[in-house]
């Protein structure tokens, strides 16, 4: 499954997710069998070759309608900020659905 993260850096070890309006780079991760199998970066979330099934945002107030129009699942990482923490929370289903 491909997931999409708005990040503040291409360096995954030091990257944190950020608000969509403050994004520096979009990171697309392929999660396969509980591991990150592929990492891609792009200036725009629409430029990825593979379709992302989910997007993970920082909070419920993010403007996520463009992702919903593509039928992406929108998940919220309220407490997780580092990419590693977000991926771990995704794998263990600890992320929240978007509150409307």
PDB file of N, CA and C in Angstrom:
ATOM      1  N   UNK A   1       0.836  -1.165   0.000  1.00  0.00           N
ATOM      2  CA  UNK A   1       0.000   0.000   0.000  1.00  0.00           C
ATOM      3  C   UNK A   1       0.892   1.244   0.000  1.00  0.00           C
ATOM      4  N   UNK A   2       0.559   2.184  -0.855  1.00  0.00           N
ATOM      5  CA  UNK A   2       1.283   3.450  -0.905  1.00  0.00           C
ATOM      6  C   UNK A   2       0.594   4.461   0.011  1.00  0.00           C
ATOM      7  N   UNK A   3       1.398   5.099   0.874  1.00  0.00           N
ATOM      8  CA  UNK A   3       0.878   6.162   1.730  1.00  0.00           C
ATOM      9  C   UNK A   3       1.643   7.445   1.444  1.00  0.00           C
ATOM     10  N   UNK A   4       0.981   8.549   1.677  1.00  0.00           N
ATOM     11  CA  UNK A   4       1.504   9.865   1.335  1.00  0.00           C
ATOM     12  C   UNK A   4       1.663  10.692   2.608  1.00  0.00           C
ATOM     13  N   UNK A   5       2.838  11.342   2.732  1.00  0.00           N
ATOM     14  CA  UNK A   5       3.127  12.157   3.906  1.00  0.00           C
ATOM     15  C   UNK A   5       3.609  13.546   3.498  1.00  0.00           C
ATOM     16  N   UNK A   6       3.053  14.595   4.070  1.00  0.00           N
ATOM     17  CA  UNK A   6       3.605  15.940   3.859  1.00  0.00           C
ATOM     18  C   UNK A   6       4.773  16.119   4.837  1.00  0.00           C
ATOM     19  N   UNK A   7       5.974  16.300   4.322  1.00  0.00           N
ATOM     20  CA  UNK A   7       7.161  16.320   5.180  1.00  0.00           C
ATOM     21  C   UNK A   7       7.915  17.645   5.110  1.00  0.00           C
ATOM     22  N   UNK A   8       8.765  17.835   6.109  1.00  0.00           N
ATOM     23  CA  UNK A   8       9.590  19.033   6.169  1.00  0.00           C
ATOM     24  C   UNK A   8      11.014  18.790   5.677  1.00  0.00           C
ATOM     25  N   UNK A   9      11.328  17.555   5.230  1.00  0.00           N
ATOM     26  CA  UNK A   9      12.676  17.235   4.767  1.00  0.00           C
ATOM     27  C   UNK A   9      12.667  15.934   3.968  1.00  0.00           C
ATOM     28  N   UNK A  10      13.621  15.796   3.029  1.00  0.00           N
ATOM     29  CA  UNK A  10      13.780  14.543   2.288  1.00  0.00           C
ATOM     30  C   UNK A  10      14.533  13.498   3.104  1.00  0.00           C
ATOM     31  N   UNK A  11      15.250  13.924   4.116  1.00  0.00           N
ATOM     32  CA  UNK A  11      16.024  13.033   4.982  1.00  0.00           C
ATOM     33  C   UNK A  11      15.062  12.326   5.939  1.00  0.00           C
ATOM     34  N   UNK A  12      14.715  11.088   5.636  1.00  0.00           N
ATOM     35  CA  UNK A  12      13.697  10.381   6.406  1.00  0.00           C
ATOM     36  C   UNK A  12      14.061  10.211   7.874  1.00  0.00           C
ATOM     37  N   UNK A  13      15.314  10.089   8.174  1.00  0.00           N
ATOM     38  CA  UNK A  13      15.726   9.900   9.574  1.00  0.00           C
ATOM     39  C   UNK A  13      15.406  11.122  10.429  1.00  0.00           C
ATOM     40  N   UNK A  14      15.451  12.312   9.834  1.00  0.00           N
ATOM     41  CA  UNK A  14      15.201  13.545  10.567  1.00  0.00           C
ATOM     42  C   UNK A  14      13.896  14.228  10.179  1.00  0.00           C
ATOM     43  N   UNK A  15      13.179  13.665   9.227  1.00  0.00           N
ATOM     44  CA  UNK A  15      11.957  14.300   8.716  1.00  0.00           C
ATOM     45  C   UNK A  15      10.793  14.158   9.693  1.00  0.00           C
ATOM     46  N   UNK A  16       9.965  15.190   9.696  1.00  0.00           N
ATOM     47  CA  UNK A  16       8.712  15.182  10.453  1.00  0.00           C
ATOM     48  C   UNK A  16       7.581  15.494   9.487  1.00  0.00           C
ATOM     49  N   UNK A  17       6.383  14.993   9.824  1.00  0.00           N
ATOM     50  CA  UNK A  17       5.252  15.412   9.012  1.00  0.00           C
ATOM     51  C   UNK A  17       4.915  16.842   9.402  1.00  0.00           C
ATOM     52  N   UNK A  18       4.365  17.557   8.456  1.00  0.00           N
ATOM     53  CA  UNK A  18       4.063  18.968   8.659  1.00  0.00           C
ATOM     54  C   UNK A  18       2.684  19.278   8.106  1.00  0.00           C
ATOM     55  N   UNK A  19       2.190  20.445   8.399  1.00  0.00           N
ATOM     56  CA  UNK A  19       0.909  20.864   7.828  1.00  0.00           C
ATOM     57  C   UNK A  19       1.031  20.955   6.310  1.00  0.00           C
ATOM     58  N   UNK A  20      -0.035  20.694   5.627  1.00  0.00           N
ATOM     59  CA  UNK A  20      -0.040  20.704   4.162  1.00  0.00           C
ATOM     60  C   UNK A  20       0.410  22.053   3.629  1.00  0.00           C
ATOM     61  N   UNK A  21      -0.003  23.134   4.265  1.00  0.00           N
ATOM     62  CA  UNK A  21       0.384  24.469   3.800  1.00  0.00           C
ATOM     63  C   UNK A  21       1.869  24.757   3.988  1.00  0.00           C
ATOM     64  N   UNK A  22       2.549  23.990   4.851  1.00  0.00           N
ATOM     65  CA  UNK A  22       3.971  24.202   5.132  1.00  0.00           C
ATOM     66  C   UNK A  22       4.868  23.136   4.522  1.00  0.00           C
ATOM     67  N   UNK A  23       4.323  22.275   3.693  1.00  0.00           N
ATOM     68  CA  UNK A  23       5.081  21.139   3.169  1.00  0.00           C
ATOM     69  C   UNK A  23       6.306  21.588   2.372  1.00  0.00           C
ATOM     70  N   UNK A  24       7.418  20.900   2.592  1.00  0.00           N
ATOM     71  CA  UNK A  24       8.651  21.124   1.838  1.00  0.00           C
ATOM     72  C   UNK A  24       8.740  20.093   0.724  1.00  0.00           C
ATOM     73  N   UNK A  25       8.402  18.853   1.051  1.00  0.00           N
ATOM     74  CA  UNK A  25       8.443  17.768   0.082  1.00  0.00           C
ATOM     75  C   UNK A  25       7.376  16.735   0.456  1.00  0.00           C
ATOM     76  N   UNK A  26       6.749  16.180  -0.553  1.00  0.00           N
ATOM     77  CA  UNK A  26       5.812  15.075  -0.346  1.00  0.00           C
ATOM     78  C   UNK A  26       6.591  13.775  -0.403  1.00  0.00           C
ATOM     79  N   UNK A  27       6.328  12.910   0.542  1.00  0.00           N
ATOM     80  CA  UNK A  27       6.989  11.615   0.599  1.00  0.00           C
ATOM     81  C   UNK A  27       5.940  10.532   0.408  1.00  0.00           C
ATOM     82  N   UNK A  28       6.220   9.623  -0.510  1.00  0.00           N
ATOM     83  CA  UNK A  28       5.335   8.482  -0.745  1.00  0.00           C
ATOM     84  C   UNK A  28       6.089   7.229  -0.319  1.00  0.00           C
ATOM     85  N   UNK A  29       5.467   6.459   0.555  1.00  0.00           N
ATOM     86  CA  UNK A  29       6.073   5.238   1.056  1.00  0.00           C
ATOM     87  C   UNK A  29       5.255   4.034   0.604  1.00  0.00           C
ATOM     88  N   UNK A  30       5.943   3.006   0.145  1.00  0.00           N
ATOM     89  CA  UNK A  30       5.281   1.738  -0.138  1.00  0.00           C
ATOM     90  C   UNK A  30       5.473   0.865   1.097  1.00  0.00           C
ATOM     91  N   UNK A  31       4.359   0.523   1.737  1.00  0.00           N
ATOM     92  CA  UNK A  31       4.387  -0.365   2.892  1.00  0.00           C
ATOM     93  C   UNK A  31       4.016  -1.755   2.399  1.00  0.00           C
ATOM     94  N   UNK A  32       4.941  -2.687   2.550  1.00  0.00           N
ATOM     95  CA  UNK A  32       4.724  -4.049   2.069  1.00  0.00           C
ATOM     96  C   UNK A  32       5.175  -5.026   3.144  1.00  0.00           C
ATOM     97  N   UNK A  33       4.276  -5.878   3.572  1.00  0.00           N
ATOM     98  CA  UNK A  33       4.548  -6.879   4.603  1.00  0.00           C
ATOM     99  C   UNK A  33       5.131  -6.259   5.868  1.00  0.00           C
ATOM    100  N   UNK A  34       4.580  -5.121   6.261  1.00  0.00           N
ATOM    101  CA  UNK A  34       4.975  -4.490   7.507  1.00  0.00           C
ATOM    102  C   UNK A  34       6.284  -3.727   7.473  1.00  0.00           C
ATOM    103  N   UNK A  35       6.799  -3.480   6.274  1.00  0.00           N
ATOM    104  CA  UNK A  35       8.068  -2.764   6.139  1.00  0.00           C
ATOM    105  C   UNK A  35       7.953  -1.704   5.053  1.00  0.00           C
ATOM    106  N   UNK A  36       8.799  -0.685   5.165  1.00  0.00           N
ATOM    107  CA  UNK A  36       8.878   0.319   4.108  1.00  0.00           C
ATOM    108  C   UNK A  36       9.715  -0.282   2.987  1.00  0.00           C
ATOM    109  N   UNK A  37       9.074  -0.536   1.842  1.00  0.00           N
ATOM    110  CA  UNK A  37       9.744  -1.194   0.722  1.00  0.00           C
ATOM    111  C   UNK A  37      10.248  -0.204  -0.322  1.00  0.00           C
ATOM    112  N   UNK A  38       9.678   1.001  -0.336  1.00  0.00           N
ATOM    113  CA  UNK A  38      10.046   1.983  -1.366  1.00  0.00           C
ATOM    114  C   UNK A  38       9.762   3.383  -0.833  1.00  0.00           C
ATOM    115  N   UNK A  39      10.642   4.324  -1.172  1.00  0.00           N
ATOM    116  CA  UNK A  39      10.479   5.723  -0.761  1.00  0.00           C
ATOM    117  C   UNK A  39      10.626   6.597  -1.989  1.00  0.00           C
ATOM    118  N   UNK A  40       9.662   7.494  -2.198  1.00  0.00           N
ATOM    119  CA  UNK A  40       9.714   8.451  -3.307  1.00  0.00           C
ATOM    120  C   UNK A  40       9.421   9.846  -2.765  1.00  0.00           C
ATOM    121  N   UNK A  41      10.014  10.854  -3.408  1.00  0.00           N
ATOM    122  CA  UNK A  41       9.780  12.244  -3.027  1.00  0.00           C
ATOM    123  C   UNK A  41       9.341  13.033  -4.251  1.00  0.00           C
ATOM    124  N   UNK A  42       8.532  14.077  -4.001  1.00  0.00           N
ATOM    125  CA  UNK A  42       8.087  14.944  -5.085  1.00  0.00           C
ATOM    126  C   UNK A  42       7.686  16.307  -4.514  1.00  0.00           C
ATOM    127  N   UNK A  43       7.768  17.310  -5.356  1.00  0.00           N
ATOM    128  CA  UNK A  43       7.337  18.650  -4.966  1.00  0.00           C
ATOM    129  C   UNK A  43       5.809  18.724  -4.860  1.00  0.00           C
ATOM    130  N   UNK A  44       5.106  17.902  -5.622  1.00  0.00           N
ATOM    131  CA  UNK A  44       3.647  17.903  -5.634  1.00  0.00           C
ATOM    132  C   UNK A  44       3.134  16.482  -5.385  1.00  0.00           C
ATOM    133  N   UNK A  45       2.093  16.363  -4.602  1.00  0.00           N
ATOM    134  CA  UNK A  45       1.553  15.035  -4.302  1.00  0.00           C
ATOM    135  C   UNK A  45       0.914  14.399  -5.530  1.00  0.00           C
ATOM    136  N   UNK A  46       0.580  15.183  -6.528  1.00  0.00           N
ATOM    137  CA  UNK A  46      -0.069  14.649  -7.725  1.00  0.00           C
ATOM    138  C   UNK A  46       0.908  14.091  -8.746  1.00  0.00           C
ATOM    139  N   UNK A  47       2.198  14.289  -8.543  1.00  0.00           N
ATOM    140  CA  UNK A  47       3.204  13.887  -9.528  1.00  0.00           C
ATOM    141  C   UNK A  47       3.719  12.461  -9.368  1.00  0.00           C
ATOM    142  N   UNK A  48       3.288  11.749  -8.357  1.00  0.00           N
ATOM    143  CA  UNK A  48       3.789  10.387  -8.155  1.00  0.00           C
ATOM    144  C   UNK A  48       3.247   9.452  -9.222  1.00  0.00           C
ATOM    145  N   UNK A  49       4.076   8.529  -9.629  1.00  0.00           N
ATOM    146  CA  UNK A  49       3.707   7.565 -10.658  1.00  0.00           C
ATOM    147  C   UNK A  49       2.650   6.587 -10.148  1.00  0.00           C
ATOM    148  N   UNK A  50       2.784   6.177  -8.893  1.00  0.00           N
ATOM    149  CA  UNK A  50       1.854   5.223  -8.295  1.00  0.00           C
ATOM    150  C   UNK A  50       0.809   5.954  -7.454  1.00  0.00           C
ATOM    151  N   UNK A  51      -0.390   5.440  -7.464  1.00  0.00           N
ATOM    152  CA  UNK A  51      -1.498   6.029  -6.723  1.00  0.00           C
ATOM    153  C   UNK A  51      -1.337   5.759  -5.230  1.00  0.00           C
ATOM    154  N   UNK A  52      -1.481   6.778  -4.416  1.00  0.00           N
ATOM    155  CA  UNK A  52      -1.441   6.624  -2.958  1.00  0.00           C
ATOM    156  C   UNK A  52      -2.846   6.300  -2.463  1.00  0.00           C
ATOM    157  N   UNK A  53      -2.936   5.286  -1.626  1.00  0.00           N
ATOM    158  CA  UNK A  53      -4.231   4.880  -1.095  1.00  0.00           C
ATOM    159  C   UNK A  53      -4.617   5.646   0.158  1.00  0.00           C
ATOM    160  N   UNK A  54      -3.606   6.236   0.833  1.00  0.00           N
ATOM    161  CA  UNK A  54      -3.871   6.968   2.064  1.00  0.00           C
ATOM    162  C   UNK A  54      -2.942   8.163   2.165  1.00  0.00           C
ATOM    163  N   UNK A  55      -3.423   9.196   2.855  1.00  0.00           N
ATOM    164  CA  UNK A  55      -2.604  10.361   3.179  1.00  0.00           C
ATOM    165  C   UNK A  55      -2.695  10.539   4.692  1.00  0.00           C
ATOM    166  N   UNK A  56      -1.564  10.878   5.295  1.00  0.00           N
ATOM    167  CA  UNK A  56      -1.521  11.078   6.737  1.00  0.00           C
ATOM    168  C   UNK A  56      -1.209  12.539   6.999  1.00  0.00           C
ATOM    169  N   UNK A  57      -2.065  13.192   7.766  1.00  0.00           N
ATOM    170  CA  UNK A  57      -1.925  14.621   8.054  1.00  0.00           C
ATOM    171  C   UNK A  57      -1.733  14.833   9.553  1.00  0.00           C
ATOM    172  N   UNK A  58      -1.381  16.084   9.913  1.00  0.00           N
ATOM    173  CA  UNK A  58      -1.063  16.432  11.307  1.00  0.00           C
ATOM    174  C   UNK A  58      -2.283  16.593  12.204  1.00  0.00           C
ATOM    175  N   UNK A  59      -3.326  17.188  11.670  1.00  0.00           N
ATOM    176  CA  UNK A  59      -4.498  17.421  12.522  1.00  0.00           C
ATOM    177  C   UNK A  59      -5.773  17.478  11.697  1.00  0.00           C
ATOM    178  N   UNK A  60      -6.885  17.528  12.407  1.00  0.00           N
ATOM    179  CA  UNK A  60      -8.202  17.464  11.775  1.00  0.00           C
ATOM    180  C   UNK A  60      -8.566  18.716  10.986  1.00  0.00           C
ATOM    181  N   UNK A  61      -7.851  19.800  11.183  1.00  0.00           N
ATOM    182  CA  UNK A  61      -8.206  21.048  10.505  1.00  0.00           C
ATOM    183  C   UNK A  61      -7.545  21.201   9.131  1.00  0.00           C
ATOM    184  N   UNK A  62      -6.798  20.223   8.699  1.00  0.00           N
ATOM    185  CA  UNK A  62      -6.146  20.291   7.388  1.00  0.00           C
ATOM    186  C   UNK A  62      -7.183  20.279   6.269  1.00  0.00           C
ATOM    187  N   UNK A  63      -6.845  20.940   5.173  1.00  0.00           N
ATOM    188  CA  UNK A  63      -7.722  20.945   3.997  1.00  0.00           C
ATOM    189  C   UNK A  63      -7.412  19.697   3.166  1.00  0.00           C
ATOM    190  N   UNK A  64      -8.261  18.698   3.256  1.00  0.00           N
ATOM    191  CA  UNK A  64      -7.981  17.393   2.655  1.00  0.00           C
ATOM    192  C   UNK A  64      -8.932  17.014   1.517  1.00  0.00           C
ATOM    193  N   UNK A  65      -9.809  17.932   1.104  1.00  0.00           N
ATOM    194  CA  UNK A  65     -10.783  17.590   0.060  1.00  0.00           C
ATOM    195  C   UNK A  65     -10.143  17.106  -1.237  1.00  0.00           C
ATOM    196  N   UNK A  66      -9.009  17.674  -1.673  1.00  0.00           N
ATOM    197  CA  UNK A  66      -8.414  17.151  -2.910  1.00  0.00           C
ATOM    198  C   UNK A  66      -8.069  15.657  -2.813  1.00  0.00           C
ATOM    199  N   UNK A  67      -7.645  15.207  -1.640  1.00  0.00           N
ATOM    200  CA  UNK A  67      -7.318  13.792  -1.451  1.00  0.00           C
ATOM    201  C   UNK A  67      -8.581  12.951  -1.412  1.00  0.00           C
ATOM    202  N   UNK A  68      -9.611  13.476  -0.791  1.00  0.00           N
ATOM    203  CA  UNK A  68     -10.872  12.751  -0.705  1.00  0.00           C
ATOM    204  C   UNK A  68     -11.514  12.597  -2.078  1.00  0.00           C
ATOM    205  N   UNK A  69     -11.299  13.587  -2.943  1.00  0.00           N
ATOM    206  CA  UNK A  69     -11.819  13.483  -4.307  1.00  0.00           C
ATOM    207  C   UNK A  69     -11.173  12.332  -5.076  1.00  0.00           C
ATOM    208  N   UNK A  70      -9.956  11.962  -4.676  1.00  0.00           N
ATOM    209  CA  UNK A  70      -9.266  10.818  -5.272  1.00  0.00           C
ATOM    210  C   UNK A  70      -9.534   9.531  -4.497  1.00  0.00           C
ATOM    211  N   UNK A  71     -10.493   9.589  -3.569  1.00  0.00           N
ATOM    212  CA  UNK A  71     -10.874   8.444  -2.737  1.00  0.00           C
ATOM    213  C   UNK A  71      -9.722   7.902  -1.893  1.00  0.00           C
ATOM    214  N   UNK A  72      -8.841   8.795  -1.467  1.00  0.00           N
ATOM    215  CA  UNK A  72      -7.774   8.396  -0.557  1.00  0.00           C
ATOM    216  C   UNK A  72      -8.322   8.364   0.866  1.00  0.00           C
ATOM    217  N   UNK A  73      -7.846   7.404   1.629  1.00  0.00           N
ATOM    218  CA  UNK A  73      -8.153   7.349   3.041  1.00  0.00           C
ATOM    219  C   UNK A  73      -7.341   8.459   3.720  1.00  0.00           C
ATOM    220  N   UNK A  74      -7.968   9.252   4.568  1.00  0.00           N
ATOM    221  CA  UNK A  74      -7.280  10.325   5.284  1.00  0.00           C
ATOM    222  C   UNK A  74      -7.157   9.911   6.748  1.00  0.00           C
ATOM    223  N   UNK A  75      -5.913   9.835   7.220  1.00  0.00           N
ATOM    224  CA  UNK A  75      -5.631   9.485   8.606  1.00  0.00           C
ATOM    225  C   UNK A  75      -4.909  10.646   9.275  1.00  0.00           C
ATOM    226  N   UNK A  76      -5.089  10.752  10.589  1.00  0.00           N
ATOM    227  CA  UNK A  76      -4.503  11.863  11.329  1.00  0.00           C
ATOM    228  C   UNK A  76      -3.529  11.326  12.374  1.00  0.00           C
ATOM    229  N   UNK A  77      -2.332  11.896  12.378  1.00  0.00           N
ATOM    230  CA  UNK A  77      -1.311  11.573  13.371  1.00  0.00           C
ATOM    231  C   UNK A  77      -1.281  12.720  14.373  1.00  0.00           C
ATOM    232  N   UNK A  78      -2.071  12.610  15.422  1.00  0.00           N
ATOM    233  CA  UNK A  78      -2.176  13.702  16.392  1.00  0.00           C
ATOM    234  C   UNK A  78      -0.903  13.863  17.216  1.00  0.00           C
ATOM    235  N   UNK A  79      -0.290  12.776  17.613  1.00  0.00           N
ATOM    236  CA  UNK A  79       0.884  12.858  18.491  1.00  0.00           C
ATOM    237  C   UNK A  79       2.178  12.453  17.807  1.00  0.00           C
ATOM    238  N   UNK A  80       2.108  11.696  16.749  1.00  0.00           N
ATOM    239  CA  UNK A  80       3.302  11.243  16.054  1.00  0.00           C
ATOM    240  C   UNK A  80       3.767  12.323  15.091  1.00  0.00           C
ATOM    241  N   UNK A  81       5.042  12.627  15.096  1.00  0.00           N
ATOM    242  CA  UNK A  81       5.566  13.652  14.199  1.00  0.00           C
ATOM    243  C   UNK A  81       6.669  13.121  13.292  1.00  0.00           C
ATOM    244  N   UNK A  82       7.570  12.297  13.809  1.00  0.00           N
ATOM    245  CA  UNK A  82       8.647  11.780  12.960  1.00  0.00           C
ATOM    246  C   UNK A  82       8.081  10.751  11.996  1.00  0.00           C
ATOM    247  N   UNK A  83       8.710  10.618  10.857  1.00  0.00           N
ATOM    248  CA  UNK A  83       8.250   9.659   9.853  1.00  0.00           C
ATOM    249  C   UNK A  83       8.252   8.247  10.427  1.00  0.00           C
ATOM    250  N   UNK A  84       9.290   7.899  11.178  1.00  0.00           N
ATOM    251  CA  UNK A  84       9.349   6.562  11.791  1.00  0.00           C
ATOM    252  C   UNK A  84       8.161   6.320  12.722  1.00  0.00           C
ATOM    253  N   UNK A  85       7.830   7.313  13.538  1.00  0.00           N
ATOM    254  CA  UNK A  85       6.696   7.165  14.456  1.00  0.00           C
ATOM    255  C   UNK A  85       5.371   7.056  13.706  1.00  0.00           C
ATOM    256  N   UNK A  86       5.236   7.819  12.639  1.00  0.00           N
ATOM    257  CA  UNK A  86       4.009   7.782  11.839  1.00  0.00           C
ATOM    258  C   UNK A  86       3.852   6.411  11.175  1.00  0.00           C
ATOM    259  N   UNK A  87       4.937   5.894  10.607  1.00  0.00           N
ATOM    260  CA  UNK A  87       4.876   4.576   9.960  1.00  0.00           C
ATOM    261  C   UNK A  87       4.535   3.500  10.985  1.00  0.00           C
ATOM    262  N   UNK A  88       5.162   3.566  12.139  1.00  0.00           N
ATOM    263  CA  UNK A  88       4.875   2.590  13.190  1.00  0.00           C
ATOM    264  C   UNK A  88       3.405   2.671  13.620  1.00  0.00           C
ATOM    265  N   UNK A  89       2.900   3.882  13.801  1.00  0.00           N
ATOM    266  CA  UNK A  89       1.497   4.055  14.178  1.00  0.00           C
ATOM    267  C   UNK A  89       0.563   3.552  13.075  1.00  0.00           C
ATOM    268  N   UNK A  90       0.940   3.754  11.819  1.00  0.00           N
ATOM    269  CA  UNK A  90       0.142   3.261  10.695  1.00  0.00           C
ATOM    270  C   UNK A  90       0.087   1.728  10.731  1.00  0.00           C
ATOM    271  N   UNK A  91       1.240   1.107  10.918  1.00  0.00           N
ATOM    272  CA  UNK A  91       1.304  -0.358  10.930  1.00  0.00           C
ATOM    273  C   UNK A  91       0.495  -0.964  12.069  1.00  0.00           C
ATOM    274  N   UNK A  92       0.492  -0.290  13.207  1.00  0.00           N
ATOM    275  CA  UNK A  92      -0.228  -0.805  14.372  1.00  0.00           C
ATOM    276  C   UNK A  92      -1.636  -0.218  14.500  1.00  0.00           C
ATOM    277  N   UNK A  93      -2.089   0.447  13.435  1.00  0.00           N
ATOM    278  CA  UNK A  93      -3.447   1.001  13.355  1.00  0.00           C
ATOM    279  C   UNK A  93      -3.754   1.932  14.530  1.00  0.00           C
ATOM    280  N   UNK A  94      -2.774   2.790  14.856  1.00  0.00           N
ATOM    281  CA  UNK A  94      -2.932   3.738  15.949  1.00  0.00           C
ATOM    282  C   UNK A  94      -3.261   5.149  15.470  1.00  0.00           C
ATOM    283  N   UNK A  95      -3.401   5.338  14.176  1.00  0.00           N
ATOM    284  CA  UNK A  95      -3.766   6.647  13.644  1.00  0.00           C
ATOM    285  C   UNK A  95      -5.281   6.805  13.670  1.00  0.00           C
ATOM    286  N   UNK A  96      -5.735   8.037  13.680  1.00  0.00           N
ATOM    287  CA  UNK A  96      -7.162   8.315  13.802  1.00  0.00           C
ATOM    288  C   UNK A  96      -7.779   8.661  12.452  1.00  0.00           C
ATOM    289  N   UNK A  97      -9.066   8.363  12.314  1.00  0.00           N
ATOM    290  CA  UNK A  97      -9.812   8.833  11.152  1.00  0.00           C
ATOM    291  C   UNK A  97     -10.016  10.333  11.304  1.00  0.00           C
ATOM    292  N   UNK A  98     -10.205  10.978  10.203  1.00  0.00           N
ATOM    293  CA  UNK A  98     -10.433  12.414  10.191  1.00  0.00           C
ATOM    294  C   UNK A  98     -11.771  12.721  10.870  1.00  0.00           C
ATOM    295  N   UNK A  99     -11.753  13.667  11.797  1.00  0.00           N
ATOM    296  CA  UNK A  99     -12.989  14.124  12.452  1.00  0.00           C
ATOM    297  C   UNK A  99     -13.550  15.276  11.647  1.00  0.00           C
ATOM    298  N   UNK A 100     -14.814  15.227  11.311  1.00  0.00           N
ATOM    299  CA  UNK A 100     -15.411  16.266  10.468  1.00  0.00           C
ATOM    300  C   UNK A 100     -15.968  17.382  11.296  1.00  0.00           C
TER     301      UNK A 100
END
